[in-house]
Amino acid sequence: MNHALTRIASVALAALLACVFAAAVLAADPYKENRKQARETYKMDKEGCLAVKGAERKTCMRIAKEKYDQELAEIKKDKAKK
């Protein structure tokens, strides 16, 4: 279990770094780009969950969804400020 969660964290970190880099390069419409990046991160997190089975996978998927929902809420909050 520990190895699988470490792998998931590594994949998530790599996806996050890729998204941050992409955001710096493609800042044409920050709201759209941020949503796209959040979606891509979510996809990567879900792919990382495929490495585990059973209840661990279910927990991993739930955490990935919660993280995605939180990112979307922050993006919407930032858009409302502008």
Protein backbone atom coordinates (compact mmCIF):
# COMPACT_ATOMS: atom_id res chain seq x y z
CA MET A 1 0.00 0.00 0.00
CA ASN A 2 2.76 2.44 0.91
CA HIS A 3 4.58 1.92 -2.38
CA ALA A 4 1.41 2.46 -4.38
CA LEU A 5 0.58 5.69 -2.56
CA THR A 6 4.14 6.92 -3.10
CA ARG A 7 3.75 6.20 -6.80
CA ILE A 8 0.45 8.06 -6.86
CA ALA A 9 2.02 11.04 -5.14
CA SER A 10 4.90 11.04 -7.64
CA VAL A 11 2.53 10.95 -10.60
CA ALA A 12 0.42 13.73 -9.09
CA LEU A 13 3.49 15.88 -8.46
CA ALA A 14 4.72 15.40 -12.03
CA ALA A 15 1.29 16.33 -13.38
CA LEU A 16 1.13 19.38 -11.16
CA LEU A 17 4.55 20.58 -12.27
CA ALA A 18 3.60 20.07 -15.91
CA CYS A 19 0.44 22.08 -15.36
CA VAL A 20 2.31 24.89 -13.66
CA PHE A 21 4.76 25.07 -16.54
CA ALA A 22 1.95 25.01 -19.09
CA ALA A 23 0.19 27.81 -17.22
CA ALA A 24 3.28 29.99 -17.44
CA VAL A 25 3.57 29.39 -21.18
CA LEU A 26 -0.11 29.54 -22.12
CA ALA A 27 -1.58 32.41 -20.14
CA ALA A 28 -3.99 33.59 -22.86
CA ASP A 29 -7.17 32.88 -20.87
CA PRO A 30 -6.18 32.05 -17.30
CA TYR A 31 -9.59 30.76 -16.29
CA LYS A 32 -9.86 28.28 -19.17
CA GLU A 33 -6.24 27.23 -18.83
CA ASN A 34 -6.57 26.69 -15.08
CA ARG A 35 -9.67 24.57 -15.58
CA LYS A 36 -7.91 22.56 -18.28
CA GLN A 37 -4.90 22.03 -16.02
CA ALA A 38 -7.11 20.95 -13.12
CA ARG A 39 -8.85 18.46 -15.43
CA GLU A 40 -5.50 17.08 -16.66
CA THR A 41 -4.21 16.76 -13.10
CA TYR A 42 -7.39 14.92 -12.15
CA LYS A 43 -6.95 12.53 -15.07
CA MET A 44 -3.35 11.83 -14.03
CA ASP A 45 -4.39 11.28 -10.43
CA LYS A 46 -7.07 8.81 -11.54
CA GLU A 47 -4.54 6.96 -13.69
CA GLY A 48 -2.29 6.71 -10.64
CA CYS A 49 -5.16 5.09 -8.77
CA LEU A 50 -5.21 2.21 -11.25
CA ALA A 51 -2.05 0.86 -9.62
CA VAL A 52 -3.98 -0.12 -6.48
CA LYS A 53 -6.94 -2.45 -5.98
CA GLY A 54 -10.10 -2.67 -3.93
CA ALA A 55 -10.76 -0.25 -1.10
CA GLU A 56 -7.42 1.50 -1.65
CA ARG A 57 -8.43 2.32 -5.23
CA LYS A 58 -11.80 3.61 -4.07
CA THR A 59 -10.11 5.83 -1.48
CA CYS A 60 -7.57 7.03 -4.02
CA MET A 61 -10.30 7.92 -6.51
CA ARG A 62 -12.25 9.76 -3.81
CA ILE A 63 -9.18 11.78 -2.84
CA ALA A 64 -8.47 12.62 -6.49
CA LYS A 65 -12.06 13.82 -6.96
CA GLU A 66 -11.98 15.89 -3.77
CA LYS A 67 -8.73 17.50 -4.86
CA TYR A 68 -10.19 18.26 -8.30
CA ASP A 69 -13.33 19.77 -6.80
CA GLN A 70 -11.23 21.90 -4.46
CA GLU A 71 -9.08 23.15 -7.35
CA LEU A 72 -12.19 24.07 -9.37
CA ALA A 73 -13.64 25.94 -6.39
CA GLU A 74 -10.42 27.94 -6.03
CA ILE A 75 -10.38 28.72 -9.76
CA LYS A 76 -13.98 29.95 -9.65
CA LYS A 77 -13.22 32.00 -6.53
CA ASP A 78 -10.25 33.63 -8.26
CA LYS A 79 -12.34 34.40 -11.34
CA ALA A 80 -15.04 36.03 -9.20
CA LYS A 81 -12.42 38.34 -7.64
CA LYS A 82 -11.46 39.76 -11.03
